[in-house]
């Protein structure tokens, strides 16, 4: 069990509804997760990378069948897209 499971479950539910892309603010992500994002998420784009499934946050969205396509740290918004 990972603390990022709520994000995985949220993205899985979006996929069930047929949604293929979603943009979430940091505030929305924190509501979904139930805790504040760490400083690295706010300041380091690599934290949002899809390449390393050993990172629990990346494992969550990749396991749900999604990837990060845009990480706008200035506006604090992340765009996820379903993997085809």
PDB file of N, CA and C in Angstrom:
ATOM      1  N   UNK A   1       0.842  -1.180   0.000  1.00  0.00           N
ATOM      2  CA  UNK A   1       0.000   0.000   0.000  1.00  0.00           C
ATOM      3  C   UNK A   1       0.888   1.245   0.000  1.00  0.00           C
ATOM      4  N   UNK A   2       0.505   2.207  -0.814  1.00  0.00           N
ATOM      5  CA  UNK A   2       1.263   3.448  -0.942  1.00  0.00           C
ATOM      6  C   UNK A   2       0.380   4.629  -0.566  1.00  0.00           C
ATOM      7  N   UNK A   3       1.006   5.657  -0.052  1.00  0.00           N
ATOM      8  CA  UNK A   3       0.224   6.851   0.269  1.00  0.00           C
ATOM      9  C   UNK A   3      -0.303   7.525  -0.992  1.00  0.00           C
ATOM     10  N   UNK A   4       0.187   7.124  -2.167  1.00  0.00           N
ATOM     11  CA  UNK A   4      -0.281   7.686  -3.431  1.00  0.00           C
ATOM     12  C   UNK A   4      -1.405   6.855  -4.062  1.00  0.00           C
ATOM     13  N   UNK A   5      -1.855   5.819  -3.378  1.00  0.00           N
ATOM     14  CA  UNK A   5      -2.958   4.999  -3.888  1.00  0.00           C
ATOM     15  C   UNK A   5      -4.227   5.811  -4.176  1.00  0.00           C
ATOM     16  N   UNK A   6      -4.563   6.830  -3.381  1.00  0.00           N
ATOM     17  CA  UNK A   6      -5.762   7.612  -3.727  1.00  0.00           C
ATOM     18  C   UNK A   6      -5.670   8.284  -5.102  1.00  0.00           C
ATOM     19  N   UNK A   7      -4.486   8.698  -5.502  1.00  0.00           N
ATOM     20  CA  UNK A   7      -4.317   9.273  -6.844  1.00  0.00           C
ATOM     21  C   UNK A   7      -4.483   8.182  -7.900  1.00  0.00           C
ATOM     22  N   UNK A   8      -3.895   7.022  -7.656  1.00  0.00           N
ATOM     23  CA  UNK A   8      -4.063   5.895  -8.577  1.00  0.00           C
ATOM     24  C   UNK A   8      -5.541   5.567  -8.757  1.00  0.00           C
ATOM     25  N   UNK A   9      -6.264   5.487  -7.658  1.00  0.00           N
ATOM     26  CA  UNK A   9      -7.685   5.149  -7.724  1.00  0.00           C
ATOM     27  C   UNK A   9      -8.492   6.236  -8.427  1.00  0.00           C
ATOM     28  N   UNK A  10      -8.160   7.479  -8.170  1.00  0.00           N
ATOM     29  CA  UNK A  10      -8.847   8.604  -8.825  1.00  0.00           C
ATOM     30  C   UNK A  10      -8.664   8.520 -10.345  1.00  0.00           C
ATOM     31  N   UNK A  11      -7.431   8.293 -10.779  1.00  0.00           N
ATOM     32  CA  UNK A  11      -7.164   8.217 -12.210  1.00  0.00           C
ATOM     33  C   UNK A  11      -7.824   6.986 -12.836  1.00  0.00           C
ATOM     34  N   UNK A  12      -7.846   5.882 -12.132  1.00  0.00           N
ATOM     35  CA  UNK A  12      -8.538   4.686 -12.644  1.00  0.00           C
ATOM     36  C   UNK A  12     -10.022   4.967 -12.854  1.00  0.00           C
ATOM     37  N   UNK A  13     -10.624   5.684 -11.914  1.00  0.00           N
ATOM     38  CA  UNK A  13     -12.045   6.013 -12.046  1.00  0.00           C
ATOM     39  C   UNK A  13     -12.291   6.950 -13.216  1.00  0.00           C
ATOM     40  N   UNK A  14     -11.382   7.874 -13.452  1.00  0.00           N
ATOM     41  CA  UNK A  14     -11.525   8.752 -14.624  1.00  0.00           C
ATOM     42  C   UNK A  14     -11.481   7.935 -15.905  1.00  0.00           C
ATOM     43  N   UNK A  15     -10.596   6.971 -15.952  1.00  0.00           N
ATOM     44  CA  UNK A  15     -10.476   6.128 -17.136  1.00  0.00           C
ATOM     45  C   UNK A  15     -11.773   5.363 -17.388  1.00  0.00           C
ATOM     46  N   UNK A  16     -12.401   4.885 -16.323  1.00  0.00           N
ATOM     47  CA  UNK A  16     -13.664   4.155 -16.458  1.00  0.00           C
ATOM     48  C   UNK A  16     -14.751   5.024 -17.067  1.00  0.00           C
ATOM     49  N   UNK A  17     -14.674   6.326 -16.813  1.00  0.00           N
ATOM     50  CA  UNK A  17     -15.679   7.244 -17.357  1.00  0.00           C
ATOM     51  C   UNK A  17     -15.344   7.670 -18.783  1.00  0.00           C
ATOM     52  N   UNK A  18     -14.213   7.202 -19.307  1.00  0.00           N
ATOM     53  CA  UNK A  18     -13.834   7.500 -20.676  1.00  0.00           C
ATOM     54  C   UNK A  18     -12.952   8.728 -20.838  1.00  0.00           C
ATOM     55  N   UNK A  19     -12.604   9.365 -19.733  1.00  0.00           N
ATOM     56  CA  UNK A  19     -11.761  10.553 -19.812  1.00  0.00           C
ATOM     57  C   UNK A  19     -10.333  10.139 -20.186  1.00  0.00           C
ATOM     58  N   UNK A  20      -9.695  10.922 -21.069  1.00  0.00           N
ATOM     59  CA  UNK A  20      -8.351  10.577 -21.522  1.00  0.00           C
ATOM     60  C   UNK A  20      -7.296  11.601 -21.110  1.00  0.00           C
ATOM     61  N   UNK A  21      -7.722  12.747 -20.610  1.00  0.00           N
ATOM     62  CA  UNK A  21      -6.784  13.785 -20.191  1.00  0.00           C
ATOM     63  C   UNK A  21      -7.410  14.586 -19.065  1.00  0.00           C
ATOM     64  N   UNK A  22      -6.585  14.971 -18.089  1.00  0.00           N
ATOM     65  CA  UNK A  22      -7.084  15.779 -16.975  1.00  0.00           C
ATOM     66  C   UNK A  22      -5.952  16.665 -16.462  1.00  0.00           C
ATOM     67  N   UNK A  23      -6.295  17.901 -16.138  1.00  0.00           N
ATOM     68  CA  UNK A  23      -5.356  18.821 -15.512  1.00  0.00           C
ATOM     69  C   UNK A  23      -5.823  19.072 -14.096  1.00  0.00           C
ATOM     70  N   UNK A  24      -4.919  18.869 -13.147  1.00  0.00           N
ATOM     71  CA  UNK A  24      -5.236  19.042 -11.733  1.00  0.00           C
ATOM     72  C   UNK A  24      -4.284  20.061 -11.119  1.00  0.00           C
ATOM     73  N   UNK A  25      -4.826  20.927 -10.297  1.00  0.00           N
ATOM     74  CA  UNK A  25      -3.992  21.869  -9.555  1.00  0.00           C
ATOM     75  C   UNK A  25      -3.340  21.127  -8.395  1.00  0.00           C
ATOM     76  N   UNK A  26      -2.305  21.721  -7.839  1.00  0.00           N
ATOM     77  CA  UNK A  26      -1.681  21.115  -6.670  1.00  0.00           C
ATOM     78  C   UNK A  26      -2.703  20.980  -5.544  1.00  0.00           C
ATOM     79  N   UNK A  27      -3.566  21.973  -5.400  1.00  0.00           N
ATOM     80  CA  UNK A  27      -4.598  21.905  -4.369  1.00  0.00           C
ATOM     81  C   UNK A  27      -5.531  20.728  -4.575  1.00  0.00           C
ATOM     82  N   UNK A  28      -5.936  20.495  -5.820  1.00  0.00           N
ATOM     83  CA  UNK A  28      -6.801  19.348  -6.117  1.00  0.00           C
ATOM     84  C   UNK A  28      -6.073  18.037  -5.842  1.00  0.00           C
ATOM     85  N   UNK A  29      -4.805  17.975  -6.230  1.00  0.00           N
ATOM     86  CA  UNK A  29      -4.026  16.766  -5.957  1.00  0.00           C
ATOM     87  C   UNK A  29      -3.917  16.509  -4.457  1.00  0.00           C
ATOM     88  N   UNK A  30      -3.702  17.566  -3.690  1.00  0.00           N
ATOM     89  CA  UNK A  30      -3.602  17.412  -2.239  1.00  0.00           C
ATOM     90  C   UNK A  30      -4.928  16.965  -1.637  1.00  0.00           C
ATOM     91  N   UNK A  31      -6.046  17.424  -2.194  1.00  0.00           N
ATOM     92  CA  UNK A  31      -7.359  16.947  -1.721  1.00  0.00           C
ATOM     93  C   UNK A  31      -7.531  15.470  -2.016  1.00  0.00           C
ATOM     94  N   UNK A  32      -7.142  15.054  -3.210  1.00  0.00           N
ATOM     95  CA  UNK A  32      -7.257  13.643  -3.597  1.00  0.00           C
ATOM     96  C   UNK A  32      -6.378  12.779  -2.698  1.00  0.00           C
ATOM     97  N   UNK A  33      -5.145  13.234  -2.465  1.00  0.00           N
ATOM     98  CA  UNK A  33      -4.188  12.459  -1.679  1.00  0.00           C
ATOM     99  C   UNK A  33      -4.474  12.496  -0.178  1.00  0.00           C
ATOM    100  N   UNK A  34      -4.989  13.625   0.289  1.00  0.00           N
ATOM    101  CA  UNK A  34      -5.250  13.765   1.716  1.00  0.00           C
ATOM    102  C   UNK A  34      -4.058  14.278   2.503  1.00  0.00           C
ATOM    103  N   UNK A  35      -3.053  14.798   1.808  1.00  0.00           N
ATOM    104  CA  UNK A  35      -1.884  15.372   2.470  1.00  0.00           C
ATOM    105  C   UNK A  35      -1.222  16.361   1.506  1.00  0.00           C
ATOM    106  N   UNK A  36      -0.408  17.281   2.044  1.00  0.00           N
ATOM    107  CA  UNK A  36       0.280  18.255   1.187  1.00  0.00           C
ATOM    108  C   UNK A  36       1.383  17.603   0.348  1.00  0.00           C
ATOM    109  N   UNK A  37       1.559  18.102  -0.849  1.00  0.00           N
ATOM    110  CA  UNK A  37       2.676  17.651  -1.676  1.00  0.00           C
ATOM    111  C   UNK A  37       3.990  18.124  -1.055  1.00  0.00           C
ATOM    112  N   UNK A  38       5.027  17.345  -1.230  1.00  0.00           N
ATOM    113  CA  UNK A  38       6.333  17.690  -0.667  1.00  0.00           C
ATOM    114  C   UNK A  38       6.973  18.848  -1.439  1.00  0.00           C
ATOM    115  N   UNK A  39       8.021  19.406  -0.867  1.00  0.00           N
ATOM    116  CA  UNK A  39       8.725  20.532  -1.491  1.00  0.00           C
ATOM    117  C   UNK A  39       9.271  20.153  -2.865  1.00  0.00           C
ATOM    118  N   UNK A  40       9.750  18.934  -3.018  1.00  0.00           N
ATOM    119  CA  UNK A  40      10.293  18.502  -4.314  1.00  0.00           C
ATOM    120  C   UNK A  40       9.226  18.557  -5.402  1.00  0.00           C
ATOM    121  N   UNK A  41       7.995  18.206  -5.077  1.00  0.00           N
ATOM    122  CA  UNK A  41       6.910  18.260  -6.054  1.00  0.00           C
ATOM    123  C   UNK A  41       6.661  19.693  -6.514  1.00  0.00           C
ATOM    124  N   UNK A  42       6.882  20.633  -5.628  1.00  0.00           N
ATOM    125  CA  UNK A  42       6.661  22.045  -5.943  1.00  0.00           C
ATOM    126  C   UNK A  42       7.794  22.671  -6.741  1.00  0.00           C
ATOM    127  N   UNK A  43       9.005  22.131  -6.602  1.00  0.00           N
ATOM    128  CA  UNK A  43      10.170  22.825  -7.150  1.00  0.00           C
ATOM    129  C   UNK A  43      11.023  22.031  -8.137  1.00  0.00           C
ATOM    130  N   UNK A  44      10.804  20.741  -8.265  1.00  0.00           N
ATOM    131  CA  UNK A  44      11.670  19.916  -9.109  1.00  0.00           C
ATOM    132  C   UNK A  44      10.846  19.129 -10.122  1.00  0.00           C
ATOM    133  N   UNK A  45      10.918  19.568 -11.365  1.00  0.00           N
ATOM    134  CA  UNK A  45      10.151  18.917 -12.432  1.00  0.00           C
ATOM    135  C   UNK A  45      10.400  17.398 -12.498  1.00  0.00           C
ATOM    136  N   UNK A  46      11.642  16.910 -12.271  1.00  0.00           N
ATOM    137  CA  UNK A  46      11.862  15.458 -12.336  1.00  0.00           C
ATOM    138  C   UNK A  46      10.980  14.649 -11.377  1.00  0.00           C
ATOM    139  N   UNK A  47      10.503  15.272 -10.305  1.00  0.00           N
ATOM    140  CA  UNK A  47       9.614  14.567  -9.377  1.00  0.00           C
ATOM    141  C   UNK A  47       8.374  14.073 -10.114  1.00  0.00           C
ATOM    142  N   UNK A  48       7.982  14.788 -11.160  1.00  0.00           N
ATOM    143  CA  UNK A  48       6.796  14.438 -11.943  1.00  0.00           C
ATOM    144  C   UNK A  48       7.114  13.545 -13.142  1.00  0.00           C
ATOM    145  N   UNK A  49       8.328  13.032 -13.204  1.00  0.00           N
ATOM    146  CA  UNK A  49       8.736  12.207 -14.337  1.00  0.00           C
ATOM    147  C   UNK A  49       8.051  10.853 -14.365  1.00  0.00           C
ATOM    148  N   UNK A  50       7.935  10.329 -15.561  1.00  0.00           N
ATOM    149  CA  UNK A  50       7.308   9.019 -15.765  1.00  0.00           C
ATOM    150  C   UNK A  50       8.332   7.891 -15.868  1.00  0.00           C
ATOM    151  N   UNK A  51       9.597   8.232 -15.886  1.00  0.00           N
ATOM    152  CA  UNK A  51      10.642   7.265 -16.208  1.00  0.00           C
ATOM    153  C   UNK A  51      10.979   6.299 -15.080  1.00  0.00           C
ATOM    154  N   UNK A  52      10.762   6.684 -13.851  1.00  0.00           N
ATOM    155  CA  UNK A  52      11.227   5.869 -12.735  1.00  0.00           C
ATOM    156  C   UNK A  52      10.060   5.318 -11.925  1.00  0.00           C
ATOM    157  N   UNK A  53       9.671   4.101 -12.243  1.00  0.00           N
ATOM    158  CA  UNK A  53       8.551   3.478 -11.534  1.00  0.00           C
ATOM    159  C   UNK A  53       8.887   3.134 -10.091  1.00  0.00           C
ATOM    160  N   UNK A  54      10.144   3.284  -9.696  1.00  0.00           N
ATOM    161  CA  UNK A  54      10.497   3.041  -8.290  1.00  0.00           C
ATOM    162  C   UNK A  54      10.026   4.186  -7.405  1.00  0.00           C
ATOM    163  N   UNK A  55       9.759   5.353  -8.000  1.00  0.00           N
ATOM    164  CA  UNK A  55       9.210   6.465  -7.226  1.00  0.00           C
ATOM    165  C   UNK A  55       7.730   6.196  -7.008  1.00  0.00           C
ATOM    166  N   UNK A  56       7.285   6.213  -5.769  1.00  0.00           N
ATOM    167  CA  UNK A  56       5.906   5.805  -5.494  1.00  0.00           C
ATOM    168  C   UNK A  56       4.855   6.675  -6.181  1.00  0.00           C
ATOM    169  N   UNK A  57       5.120   7.961  -6.359  1.00  0.00           N
ATOM    170  CA  UNK A  57       4.139   8.807  -7.019  1.00  0.00           C
ATOM    171  C   UNK A  57       4.008   8.423  -8.494  1.00  0.00           C
ATOM    172  N   UNK A  58       5.128   8.171  -9.172  1.00  0.00           N
ATOM    173  CA  UNK A  58       5.079   7.775 -10.580  1.00  0.00           C
ATOM    174  C   UNK A  58       4.435   6.399 -10.723  1.00  0.00           C
ATOM    175  N   UNK A  59       4.755   5.502  -9.808  1.00  0.00           N
ATOM    176  CA  UNK A  59       4.150   4.168  -9.848  1.00  0.00           C
ATOM    177  C   UNK A  59       2.635   4.271  -9.768  1.00  0.00           C
ATOM    178  N   UNK A  60       2.130   5.201  -8.969  1.00  0.00           N
ATOM    179  CA  UNK A  60       0.681   5.358  -8.814  1.00  0.00           C
ATOM    180  C   UNK A  60       0.014   5.716 -10.131  1.00  0.00           C
ATOM    181  N   UNK A  61       0.517   6.757 -10.818  1.00  0.00           N
ATOM    182  CA  UNK A  61      -0.176   7.136 -12.051  1.00  0.00           C
ATOM    183  C   UNK A  61       0.107   6.167 -13.188  1.00  0.00           C
ATOM    184  N   UNK A  62       1.302   5.573 -13.220  1.00  0.00           N
ATOM    185  CA  UNK A  62       1.589   4.594 -14.265  1.00  0.00           C
ATOM    186  C   UNK A  62       0.773   3.318 -14.074  1.00  0.00           C
ATOM    187  N   UNK A  63       0.617   2.868 -12.831  1.00  0.00           N
ATOM    188  CA  UNK A  63      -0.208   1.682 -12.548  1.00  0.00           C
ATOM    189  C   UNK A  63      -1.663   1.915 -12.934  1.00  0.00           C
ATOM    190  N   UNK A  64      -2.095   3.166 -12.877  1.00  0.00           N
ATOM    191  CA  UNK A  64      -3.468   3.494 -13.256  1.00  0.00           C
ATOM    192  C   UNK A  64      -3.620   3.615 -14.770  1.00  0.00           C
ATOM    193  N   UNK A  65      -2.492   3.589 -15.492  1.00  0.00           N
ATOM    194  CA  UNK A  65      -2.545   3.695 -16.949  1.00  0.00           C
ATOM    195  C   UNK A  65      -2.467   5.122 -17.458  1.00  0.00           C
ATOM    196  N   UNK A  66      -1.880   5.996 -16.660  1.00  0.00           N
ATOM    197  CA  UNK A  66      -1.749   7.407 -17.016  1.00  0.00           C
ATOM    198  C   UNK A  66      -0.288   7.817 -16.978  1.00  0.00           C
ATOM    199  N   UNK A  67       0.024   8.952 -17.620  1.00  0.00           N
ATOM    200  CA  UNK A  67       1.357   9.541 -17.554  1.00  0.00           C
ATOM    201  C   UNK A  67       1.208  11.050 -17.425  1.00  0.00           C
ATOM    202  N   UNK A  68       2.249  11.676 -16.894  1.00  0.00           N
ATOM    203  CA  UNK A  68       2.284  13.132 -16.818  1.00  0.00           C
ATOM    204  C   UNK A  68       2.743  13.648 -18.174  1.00  0.00           C
ATOM    205  N   UNK A  69       1.967  14.561 -18.772  1.00  0.00           N
ATOM    206  CA  UNK A  69       2.368  15.148 -20.048  1.00  0.00           C
ATOM    207  C   UNK A  69       2.811  16.596 -19.886  1.00  0.00           C
ATOM    208  N   UNK A  70       2.341  17.262 -18.842  1.00  0.00           N
ATOM    209  CA  UNK A  70       2.759  18.632 -18.558  1.00  0.00           C
ATOM    210  C   UNK A  70       2.836  18.820 -17.044  1.00  0.00           C
ATOM    211  N   UNK A  71       3.976  19.337 -16.598  1.00  0.00           N
ATOM    212  CA  UNK A  71       4.142  19.692 -15.184  1.00  0.00           C
ATOM    213  C   UNK A  71       4.494  21.174 -15.148  1.00  0.00           C
ATOM    214  N   UNK A  72       3.494  22.012 -14.923  1.00  0.00           N
ATOM    215  CA  UNK A  72       3.695  23.463 -14.884  1.00  0.00           C
ATOM    216  C   UNK A  72       3.849  23.879 -13.424  1.00  0.00           C
ATOM    217  N   UNK A  73       5.088  23.953 -12.989  1.00  0.00           N
ATOM    218  CA  UNK A  73       5.353  24.252 -11.584  1.00  0.00           C
ATOM    219  C   UNK A  73       5.060  25.707 -11.246  1.00  0.00           C
ATOM    220  N   UNK A  74       5.103  26.582 -12.235  1.00  0.00           N
ATOM    221  CA  UNK A  74       4.811  27.990 -11.973  1.00  0.00           C
ATOM    222  C   UNK A  74       3.320  28.184 -11.666  1.00  0.00           C
ATOM    223  N   UNK A  75       2.457  27.569 -12.478  1.00  0.00           N
ATOM    224  CA  UNK A  75       1.017  27.698 -12.221  1.00  0.00           C
ATOM    225  C   UNK A  75       0.502  26.611 -11.291  1.00  0.00           C
ATOM    226  N   UNK A  76       1.399  25.675 -10.918  1.00  0.00           N
ATOM    227  CA  UNK A  76       1.063  24.592  -9.992  1.00  0.00           C
ATOM    228  C   UNK A  76      -0.085  23.730 -10.527  1.00  0.00           C
ATOM    229  N   UNK A  77       0.091  23.291 -11.795  1.00  0.00           N
ATOM    230  CA  UNK A  77      -0.888  22.418 -12.442  1.00  0.00           C
ATOM    231  C   UNK A  77      -0.171  21.278 -13.150  1.00  0.00           C
ATOM    232  N   UNK A  78      -0.756  20.104 -13.040  1.00  0.00           N
ATOM    233  CA  UNK A  78      -0.204  18.901 -13.662  1.00  0.00           C
ATOM    234  C   UNK A  78      -1.253  18.326 -14.606  1.00  0.00           C
ATOM    235  N   UNK A  79      -0.828  18.005 -15.816  1.00  0.00           N
ATOM    236  CA  UNK A  79      -1.732  17.381 -16.778  1.00  0.00           C
ATOM    237  C   UNK A  79      -1.328  15.926 -16.964  1.00  0.00           C
ATOM    238  N   UNK A  80      -2.302  15.049 -16.756  1.00  0.00           N
ATOM    239  CA  UNK A  80      -2.140  13.613 -16.954  1.00  0.00           C
ATOM    240  C   UNK A  80      -2.884  13.211 -18.213  1.00  0.00           C
ATOM    241  N   UNK A  81      -2.350  12.205 -18.911  1.00  0.00           N
ATOM    242  CA  UNK A  81      -3.023  11.659 -20.096  1.00  0.00           C
ATOM    243  C   UNK A  81      -2.960  10.146 -20.040  1.00  0.00           C
ATOM    244  N   UNK A  82      -4.032   9.528 -20.487  1.00  0.00           N
ATOM    245  CA  UNK A  82      -4.054   8.056 -20.510  1.00  0.00           C
ATOM    246  C   UNK A  82      -3.011   7.534 -21.465  1.00  0.00           C
ATOM    247  N   UNK A  83      -2.396   6.444 -21.080  1.00  0.00           N
ATOM    248  CA  UNK A  83      -1.415   5.774 -21.922  1.00  0.00           C
ATOM    249  C   UNK A  83      -2.169   4.864 -22.880  1.00  0.00           C
ATOM    250  N   UNK A  84      -1.840   4.967 -24.124  1.00  0.00           N
ATOM    251  CA  UNK A  84      -2.539   4.129 -25.119  1.00  0.00           C
ATOM    252  C   UNK A  84      -1.679   2.998 -25.584  1.00  0.00           C
TER     253      UNK A  84
END
